[in-house]
Amino acid sequence: MNIFITGTDTNVGKTTVTAGLAAVIKNMGYSVGVFKPVQTGAVEINNEFVSADIEFVKSVNPGILTGVSYNFKEPAAPLLAAQLEGTIINPAKIKHDYEKLANKCDFILVEGAGGLLVPISNNFLMRDLIKMLDLPLIIVARPDLGTINHTLLTIEAAKNKNIKILGVIISGYPPETCDIAIKNAPKMIEDISGEKILGILPKIENLESNPSLIRDIFKEHVNMDFILNCI
């Protein structure tokens, strides 16, 4: 039981969604792993560059198994970040690392970098990686103006590669908003695309100091039964 998590853009909440899904699934009694194929914008800890996203996931899921194939310092597209360090990303290595972690867990969540058309290596995009790993997809979208276009484009890009879409999670939603665009975007995305809105998450603060908070919020705001039944 494994899922790939992508975003309609960078900084839309993929890591929060990944951490939250892991927390809920782990609480159900499954052993869960989180895999980050490529981290750009890595942070330096104890003289070593590590994945900031994985560090966050571990902070709200103590003891969880994780894996990263490549960590790059520059916050850029994986292809460019690798070139700046004189490295070529090898998709076969990513697949090997993913399978190694998957053999240790009941459930693997794979978090991408950026969106579906981000280049990983020459002529190999993020959606090609999803197709290679043969994983169903959850799309994380932002709530504000422009998200209909970004989300529909992402859905179309996935469908063009025959990637199974589980649905869309809107992240960082302002619950008291009076903005007509924000209030109507989720339904319009669902109606136009035919893909399910799996959840509408409010902005979540201070998760590191309260790890159980993310699990409770996801249980309330995300249709976990639907996700698990689709896999």
C-alpha atoms as a PDB file:
ATOM      1  CA  MET A   1       0.000   0.000   0.000  1.00  0.00           C
ATOM      2  CA  ASN A   2       1.947   2.997  -1.272  1.00  0.00           C
ATOM      3  CA  ILE A   3       1.117   6.543  -2.428  1.00  0.00           C
ATOM      4  CA  PHE A   4       2.977   9.317  -4.218  1.00  0.00           C
ATOM      5  CA  ILE A   5       2.282  12.862  -3.024  1.00  0.00           C
ATOM      6  CA  THR A   6       2.794  15.765  -5.406  1.00  0.00           C
ATOM      7  CA  GLY A   7       1.884  19.429  -5.388  1.00  0.00           C
ATOM      8  CA  THR A   8       0.499  21.932  -7.836  1.00  0.00           C
ATOM      9  CA  ASP A   9       3.538  24.073  -6.991  1.00  0.00           C
ATOM     10  CA  THR A  10       6.294  24.358  -4.423  1.00  0.00           C
ATOM     11  CA  ASN A  11       5.423  25.276  -0.814  1.00  0.00           C
ATOM     12  CA  VAL A  12       1.793  24.185  -1.098  1.00  0.00           C
ATOM     13  CA  GLY A  13       1.871  21.825   1.895  1.00  0.00           C
ATOM     14  CA  LYS A  14       3.126  18.490   0.504  1.00  0.00           C
ATOM     15  CA  THR A  15       5.294  17.812   3.543  1.00  0.00           C
ATOM     16  CA  THR A  16       2.509  18.632   6.004  1.00  0.00           C
ATOM     17  CA  VAL A  17       0.170  16.309   4.104  1.00  0.00           C
ATOM     18  CA  THR A  18       2.815  13.586   3.997  1.00  0.00           C
ATOM     19  CA  ALA A  19       3.441  13.879   7.737  1.00  0.00           C
ATOM     20  CA  GLY A  20      -0.282  13.902   8.504  1.00  0.00           C
ATOM     21  CA  LEU A  21      -1.081  10.872   6.370  1.00  0.00           C
ATOM     22  CA  ALA A  22       1.833   9.021   7.961  1.00  0.00           C
ATOM     23  CA  ALA A  23       0.571   9.880  11.450  1.00  0.00           C
ATOM     24  CA  VAL A  24      -2.955   8.615  10.773  1.00  0.00           C
ATOM     25  CA  ILE A  25      -1.850   5.440   8.993  1.00  0.00           C
ATOM     26  CA  LYS A  26       0.696   4.692  11.714  1.00  0.00           C
ATOM     27  CA  ASN A  27      -2.030   5.149  14.330  1.00  0.00           C
ATOM     28  CA  MET A  28      -4.085   2.508  12.491  1.00  0.00           C
ATOM     29  CA  GLY A  29      -1.400  -0.039  13.298  1.00  0.00           C
ATOM     30  CA  TYR A  30       0.528  -0.113  10.021  1.00  0.00           C
ATOM     31  CA  SER A  31       4.284   0.251   9.800  1.00  0.00           C
ATOM     32  CA  VAL A  32       4.823   3.380   7.701  1.00  0.00           C
ATOM     33  CA  GLY A  33       7.831   4.679   5.802  1.00  0.00           C
ATOM     34  CA  VAL A  34       8.310   8.056   4.134  1.00  0.00           C
ATOM     35  CA  PHE A  35      10.579   8.309   1.111  1.00  0.00           C
ATOM     36  CA  LYS A  36      11.921  11.508  -0.471  1.00  0.00           C
ATOM     37  CA  PRO A  37      13.552  10.701  -3.817  1.00  0.00           C
ATOM     38  CA  VAL A  38      15.209  14.099  -4.228  1.00  0.00           C
ATOM     39  CA  GLN A  39      15.526  16.918  -1.711  1.00  0.00           C
ATOM     40  CA  THR A  40      16.635  20.318  -2.951  1.00  0.00           C
ATOM     41  CA  GLY A  41      17.239  23.140  -0.500  1.00  0.00           C
ATOM     42  CA  ALA A  42      18.701  20.622   1.947  1.00  0.00           C
ATOM     43  CA  VAL A  43      19.690  21.896   5.401  1.00  0.00           C
ATOM     44  CA  GLU A  44      23.023  21.388   7.114  1.00  0.00           C
ATOM     45  CA  ILE A  45      22.947  19.446  10.392  1.00  0.00           C
ATOM     46  CA  ASN A  46      26.163  18.266  12.043  1.00  0.00           C
ATOM     47  CA  ASN A  47      28.189  19.125   8.921  1.00  0.00           C
ATOM     48  CA  GLU A  48      25.920  17.061   6.683  1.00  0.00           C
ATOM     49  CA  PHE A  49      23.192  18.167   4.279  1.00  0.00           C
ATOM     50  CA  VAL A  50      19.918  16.413   5.056  1.00  0.00           C
ATOM     51  CA  SER A  51      16.320  16.599   3.888  1.00  0.00           C
ATOM     52  CA  ALA A  52      14.404  19.343   5.671  1.00  0.00           C
ATOM     53  CA  ASP A  53      11.154  17.650   4.638  1.00  0.00           C
ATOM     54  CA  ILE A  54      12.153  14.308   6.135  1.00  0.00           C
ATOM     55  CA  GLU A  55      13.346  16.011   9.323  1.00  0.00           C
ATOM     56  CA  PHE A  56       9.906  17.590   9.664  1.00  0.00           C
ATOM     57  CA  VAL A  57       8.135  14.283   9.045  1.00  0.00           C
ATOM     58  CA  LYS A  58      10.276  12.636  11.738  1.00  0.00           C
ATOM     59  CA  SER A  59       9.598  15.466  14.192  1.00  0.00           C
ATOM     60  CA  VAL A  60       5.858  14.744  14.131  1.00  0.00           C
ATOM     61  CA  ASN A  61       6.266  10.968  13.678  1.00  0.00           C
ATOM     62  CA  PRO A  62       9.008   9.863  16.082  1.00  0.00           C
ATOM     63  CA  GLY A  63      10.581   6.554  15.152  1.00  0.00           C
ATOM     64  CA  ILE A  64       9.203   6.444  11.615  1.00  0.00           C
ATOM     65  CA  LEU A  65      11.344   4.842   8.907  1.00  0.00           C
ATOM     66  CA  THR A  66      12.517   7.257   6.214  1.00  0.00           C
ATOM     67  CA  GLY A  67      14.732   7.349   3.152  1.00  0.00           C
ATOM     68  CA  VAL A  68      16.262   9.886   0.772  1.00  0.00           C
ATOM     69  CA  SER A  69      18.163   9.148  -2.427  1.00  0.00           C
ATOM     70  CA  TYR A  70      19.619  12.593  -3.113  1.00  0.00           C
ATOM     71  CA  ASN A  71      20.138  15.729  -0.995  1.00  0.00           C
ATOM     72  CA  PHE A  72      21.162  18.930  -2.771  1.00  0.00           C
ATOM     73  CA  LYS A  73      21.954  22.281  -1.199  1.00  0.00           C
ATOM     74  CA  GLU A  74      20.455  24.568  -3.845  1.00  0.00           C
ATOM     75  CA  PRO A  75      16.659  25.134  -3.665  1.00  0.00           C
ATOM     76  CA  ALA A  76      16.112  24.560  -7.382  1.00  0.00           C
ATOM     77  CA  ALA A  77      14.682  21.969  -9.744  1.00  0.00           C
ATOM     78  CA  PRO A  78      16.395  18.611  -9.109  1.00  0.00           C
ATOM     79  CA  LEU A  79      18.088  18.598 -12.517  1.00  0.00           C
ATOM     80  CA  LEU A  80      19.633  22.034 -11.933  1.00  0.00           C
ATOM     81  CA  ALA A  81      20.498  21.377  -8.276  1.00  0.00           C
ATOM     82  CA  ALA A  82      22.299  18.190  -9.301  1.00  0.00           C
ATOM     83  CA  GLN A  83      24.166  19.920 -12.130  1.00  0.00           C
ATOM     84  CA  LEU A  84      25.395  22.612  -9.743  1.00  0.00           C
ATOM     85  CA  GLU A  85      26.997  19.871  -7.637  1.00  0.00           C
ATOM     86  CA  GLY A  86      28.384  17.965 -10.603  1.00  0.00           C
ATOM     87  CA  THR A  87      25.966  15.064 -10.124  1.00  0.00           C
ATOM     88  CA  ILE A  88      23.614  13.174 -12.415  1.00  0.00           C
ATOM     89  CA  ILE A  89      20.484  11.799 -10.770  1.00  0.00           C
ATOM     90  CA  ASN A  90      20.025   8.122 -11.553  1.00  0.00           C
ATOM     91  CA  PRO A  91      16.348   7.023 -11.576  1.00  0.00           C
ATOM     92  CA  ALA A  92      17.458   3.408 -11.096  1.00  0.00           C
ATOM     93  CA  LYS A  93      19.060   4.368  -7.774  1.00  0.00           C
ATOM     94  CA  ILE A  94      15.820   6.038  -6.682  1.00  0.00           C
ATOM     95  CA  LYS A  95      13.837   2.914  -7.545  1.00  0.00           C
ATOM     96  CA  HIS A  96      16.325   0.714  -5.677  1.00  0.00           C
ATOM     97  CA  ASP A  97      16.198   2.913  -2.561  1.00  0.00           C
ATOM     98  CA  TYR A  98      12.392   3.035  -2.689  1.00  0.00           C
ATOM     99  CA  GLU A  99      12.074  -0.743  -2.959  1.00  0.00           C
ATOM    100  CA  LYS A 100      14.569  -1.263  -0.137  1.00  0.00           C
ATOM    101  CA  LEU A 101      12.480   0.909   2.198  1.00  0.00           C
ATOM    102  CA  ALA A 102       9.207  -0.566   0.943  1.00  0.00           C
ATOM    103  CA  ASN A 103      10.378  -4.047   1.926  1.00  0.00           C
ATOM    104  CA  LYS A 104      10.542  -2.894   5.548  1.00  0.00           C
ATOM    105  CA  CYS A 105       7.078  -1.305   5.803  1.00  0.00           C
ATOM    106  CA  ASP A 106       3.404  -2.017   5.252  1.00  0.00           C
ATOM    107  CA  PHE A 107       2.875   1.417   3.744  1.00  0.00           C
ATOM    108  CA  ILE A 108       5.177   3.875   1.948  1.00  0.00           C
ATOM    109  CA  LEU A 109       4.457   7.542   1.278  1.00  0.00           C
ATOM    110  CA  VAL A 110       6.668   9.075  -1.409  1.00  0.00           C
ATOM    111  CA  GLU A 111       6.920  12.851  -1.453  1.00  0.00           C
ATOM    112  CA  GLY A 112       7.946  14.518  -4.696  1.00  0.00           C
ATOM    113  CA  ALA A 113       9.746  17.814  -5.218  1.00  0.00           C
ATOM    114  CA  GLY A 114       7.748  20.636  -6.754  1.00  0.00           C
ATOM    115  CA  GLY A 115       5.155  19.546  -9.305  1.00  0.00           C
ATOM    116  CA  LEU A 116       4.711  16.836 -11.926  1.00  0.00           C
ATOM    117  CA  LEU A 117       6.721  18.484 -14.697  1.00  0.00           C
ATOM    118  CA  VAL A 118       9.779  19.309 -12.604  1.00  0.00           C
ATOM    119  CA  PRO A 119      12.869  17.871 -14.346  1.00  0.00           C
ATOM    120  CA  ILE A 120      14.828  15.229 -12.426  1.00  0.00           C
ATOM    121  CA  SER A 121      17.364  14.404 -15.109  1.00  0.00           C
ATOM    122  CA  ASN A 122      17.553  14.880 -18.870  1.00  0.00           C
ATOM    123  CA  ASN A 123      14.236  13.798 -20.431  1.00  0.00           C
ATOM    124  CA  PHE A 124      12.987  12.445 -17.077  1.00  0.00           C
ATOM    125  CA  LEU A 125      10.342  14.425 -15.177  1.00  0.00           C
ATOM    126  CA  MET A 126       8.704  13.898 -11.800  1.00  0.00           C
ATOM    127  CA  ARG A 127       5.681  12.288 -13.429  1.00  0.00           C
ATOM    128  CA  ASP A 128       8.017   9.826 -15.167  1.00  0.00           C
ATOM    129  CA  LEU A 129       9.272   8.806 -11.728  1.00  0.00           C
ATOM    130  CA  ILE A 130       5.711   8.254 -10.512  1.00  0.00           C
ATOM    131  CA  LYS A 131       5.016   6.125 -13.556  1.00  0.00           C
ATOM    132  CA  MET A 132       8.238   4.162 -13.031  1.00  0.00           C
ATOM    133  CA  LEU A 133       7.324   3.437  -9.405  1.00  0.00           C
ATOM    134  CA  ASP A 134       3.737   2.649 -10.494  1.00  0.00           C
ATOM    135  CA  LEU A 135       2.129   4.575  -7.642  1.00  0.00           C
ATOM    136  CA  PRO A 136      -1.287   6.212  -7.273  1.00  0.00           C
ATOM    137  CA  LEU A 137      -1.223   9.959  -6.748  1.00  0.00           C
ATOM    138  CA  ILE A 138      -2.516  12.474  -4.241  1.00  0.00           C
ATOM    139  CA  ILE A 139      -2.312  16.086  -5.401  1.00  0.00           C
ATOM    140  CA  VAL A 140      -1.820  18.826  -2.806  1.00  0.00           C
ATOM    141  CA  ALA A 141      -3.148  22.233  -3.841  1.00  0.00           C
ATOM    142  CA  ARG A 142      -3.199  25.678  -2.293  1.00  0.00           C
ATOM    143  CA  PRO A 143      -6.564  27.330  -1.596  1.00  0.00           C
ATOM    144  CA  ASP A 144      -6.207  30.802  -3.076  1.00  0.00           C
ATOM    145  CA  LEU A 145      -6.821  32.485  -6.429  1.00  0.00           C
ATOM    146  CA  GLY A 146      -5.241  30.567  -9.310  1.00  0.00           C
ATOM    147  CA  THR A 147      -5.541  27.148  -7.722  1.00  0.00           C
ATOM    148  CA  ILE A 148      -8.249  25.977 -10.120  1.00  0.00           C
ATOM    149  CA  ASN A 149      -5.945  26.422 -13.089  1.00  0.00           C
ATOM    150  CA  HIS A 150      -2.878  24.958 -11.349  1.00  0.00           C
ATOM    151  CA  THR A 151      -4.796  21.964 -10.048  1.00  0.00           C
ATOM    152  CA  LEU A 152      -6.550  21.167 -13.332  1.00  0.00           C
ATOM    153  CA  LEU A 153      -3.224  21.409 -15.186  1.00  0.00           C
ATOM    154  CA  THR A 154      -1.668  18.989 -12.695  1.00  0.00           C
ATOM    155  CA  ILE A 155      -4.553  16.564 -13.067  1.00  0.00           C
ATOM    156  CA  GLU A 156      -4.255  16.741 -16.853  1.00  0.00           C
ATOM    157  CA  ALA A 157      -0.491  16.159 -16.706  1.00  0.00           C
ATOM    158  CA  ALA A 158      -1.066  13.037 -14.593  1.00  0.00           C
ATOM    159  CA  LYS A 159      -3.829  11.697 -16.808  1.00  0.00           C
ATOM    160  CA  ASN A 160      -1.659  12.163 -19.890  1.00  0.00           C
ATOM    161  CA  LYS A 161       0.716   9.581 -18.369  1.00  0.00           C
ATOM    162  CA  ASN A 162      -2.142   7.296 -17.248  1.00  0.00           C
ATOM    163  CA  ILE A 163      -1.256   7.873 -13.595  1.00  0.00           C
ATOM    164  CA  LYS A 164      -4.006   6.868 -11.183  1.00  0.00           C
ATOM    165  CA  ILE A 165      -5.234   9.881  -9.188  1.00  0.00           C
ATOM    166  CA  LEU A 166      -6.694   9.208  -5.749  1.00  0.00           C
ATOM    167  CA  GLY A 167      -7.789  12.816  -5.376  1.00  0.00           C
ATOM    168  CA  VAL A 168      -6.872  16.303  -4.240  1.00  0.00           C
ATOM    169  CA  ILE A 169      -6.175  17.739  -0.797  1.00  0.00           C
ATOM    170  CA  ILE A 170      -6.497  21.506  -0.376  1.00  0.00           C
ATOM    171  CA  SER A 171      -3.899  22.647   2.161  1.00  0.00           C
ATOM    172  CA  GLY A 172      -3.727  25.838   4.207  1.00  0.00           C
ATOM    173  CA  TYR A 173      -7.403  26.714   3.802  1.00  0.00           C
ATOM    174  CA  PRO A 174      -8.576  29.789   5.750  1.00  0.00           C
ATOM    175  CA  PRO A 175     -11.789  28.481   7.359  1.00  0.00           C
ATOM    176  CA  GLU A 176     -13.315  31.898   8.079  1.00  0.00           C
ATOM    177  CA  THR A 177     -12.683  33.264   4.597  1.00  0.00           C
ATOM    178  CA  CYS A 178     -15.228  35.394   2.784  1.00  0.00           C
ATOM    179  CA  ASP A 179     -13.228  35.237  -0.445  1.00  0.00           C
ATOM    180  CA  ILE A 180     -15.607  33.977  -3.124  1.00  0.00           C
ATOM    181  CA  ALA A 181     -12.773  32.462  -5.191  1.00  0.00           C
ATOM    182  CA  ILE A 182     -11.406  30.462  -2.254  1.00  0.00           C
ATOM    183  CA  LYS A 183     -14.839  29.281  -1.125  1.00  0.00           C
ATOM    184  CA  ASN A 184     -15.826  27.971  -4.565  1.00  0.00           C
ATOM    185  CA  ALA A 185     -12.498  26.557  -5.790  1.00  0.00           C
ATOM    186  CA  PRO A 186     -12.777  23.046  -4.238  1.00  0.00           C
ATOM    187  CA  LYS A 187     -16.178  22.300  -5.757  1.00  0.00           C
ATOM    188  CA  MET A 188     -15.185  23.732  -9.130  1.00  0.00           C
ATOM    189  CA  ILE A 189     -12.037  21.591  -9.204  1.00  0.00           C
ATOM    190  CA  GLU A 190     -14.081  18.497  -8.372  1.00  0.00           C
ATOM    191  CA  ASP A 191     -16.858  19.278 -10.865  1.00  0.00           C
ATOM    192  CA  ILE A 192     -14.561  20.104 -13.785  1.00  0.00           C
ATOM    193  CA  SER A 193     -11.953  17.373 -13.273  1.00  0.00           C
ATOM    194  CA  GLY A 194     -14.149  14.572 -11.995  1.00  0.00           C
ATOM    195  CA  GLU A 195     -11.505  13.935  -9.315  1.00  0.00           C
ATOM    196  CA  LYS A 196     -12.437  13.782  -5.643  1.00  0.00           C
ATOM    197  CA  ILE A 197     -11.527  16.435  -3.099  1.00  0.00           C
ATOM    198  CA  LEU A 198     -10.163  14.200  -0.333  1.00  0.00           C
ATOM    199  CA  GLY A 199      -9.869  16.913   2.272  1.00  0.00           C
ATOM    200  CA  ILE A 200      -9.672  20.627   2.999  1.00  0.00           C
ATOM    201  CA  LEU A 201      -7.003  21.266   5.610  1.00  0.00           C
ATOM    202  CA  PRO A 202      -6.700  24.436   7.668  1.00  0.00           C
ATOM    203  CA  LYS A 203      -3.292  26.009   8.149  1.00  0.00           C
ATOM    204  CA  ILE A 204      -1.570  24.072  10.955  1.00  0.00           C
ATOM    205  CA  GLU A 205       0.958  25.795  13.217  1.00  0.00           C
ATOM    206  CA  ASN A 206       3.543  24.537  15.757  1.00  0.00           C
ATOM    207  CA  LEU A 207       3.293  20.865  14.821  1.00  0.00           C
ATOM    208  CA  GLU A 208       6.733  19.989  16.162  1.00  0.00           C
ATOM    209  CA  SER A 209       5.645  20.903  19.686  1.00  0.00           C
ATOM    210  CA  ASN A 210       2.371  18.971  19.430  1.00  0.00           C
ATOM    211  CA  PRO A 211       2.820  15.872  17.213  1.00  0.00           C
ATOM    212  CA  SER A 212      -0.619  14.431  17.950  1.00  0.00           C
ATOM    213  CA  LEU A 213      -2.289  17.585  16.611  1.00  0.00           C
ATOM    214  CA  ILE A 214      -1.648  16.701  12.969  1.00  0.00           C
ATOM    215  CA  ARG A 215      -3.150  13.232  13.391  1.00  0.00           C
ATOM    216  CA  ASP A 216      -6.309  14.660  14.940  1.00  0.00           C
ATOM    217  CA  ILE A 217      -6.678  17.324  12.248  1.00  0.00           C
ATOM    218  CA  PHE A 218      -6.262  14.789   9.461  1.00  0.00           C
ATOM    219  CA  LYS A 219      -8.813  12.457  11.006  1.00  0.00           C
ATOM    220  CA  GLU A 220     -11.273  15.345  11.052  1.00  0.00           C
ATOM    221  CA  HIS A 221     -10.578  16.913   7.661  1.00  0.00           C
ATOM    222  CA  VAL A 222      -9.330  14.129   5.331  1.00  0.00           C
ATOM    223  CA  ASN A 223     -11.316  11.158   4.005  1.00  0.00           C
ATOM    224  CA  MET A 224      -8.828   8.485   5.067  1.00  0.00           C
ATOM    225  CA  ASP A 225     -11.302   5.622   4.557  1.00  0.00           C
ATOM    226  CA  PHE A 226     -11.667   6.550   0.891  1.00  0.00           C
ATOM    227  CA  ILE A 227      -7.889   6.779   0.431  1.00  0.00           C
ATOM    228  CA  LEU A 228      -7.214   3.402   2.002  1.00  0.00           C
ATOM    229  CA  ASN A 229     -10.050   1.690   0.167  1.00  0.00           C
ATOM    230  CA  CYS A 230      -8.717   2.925  -3.185  1.00  0.00           C
ATOM    231  CA  ILE A 231      -5.305   1.349  -2.827  1.00  0.00           C
END
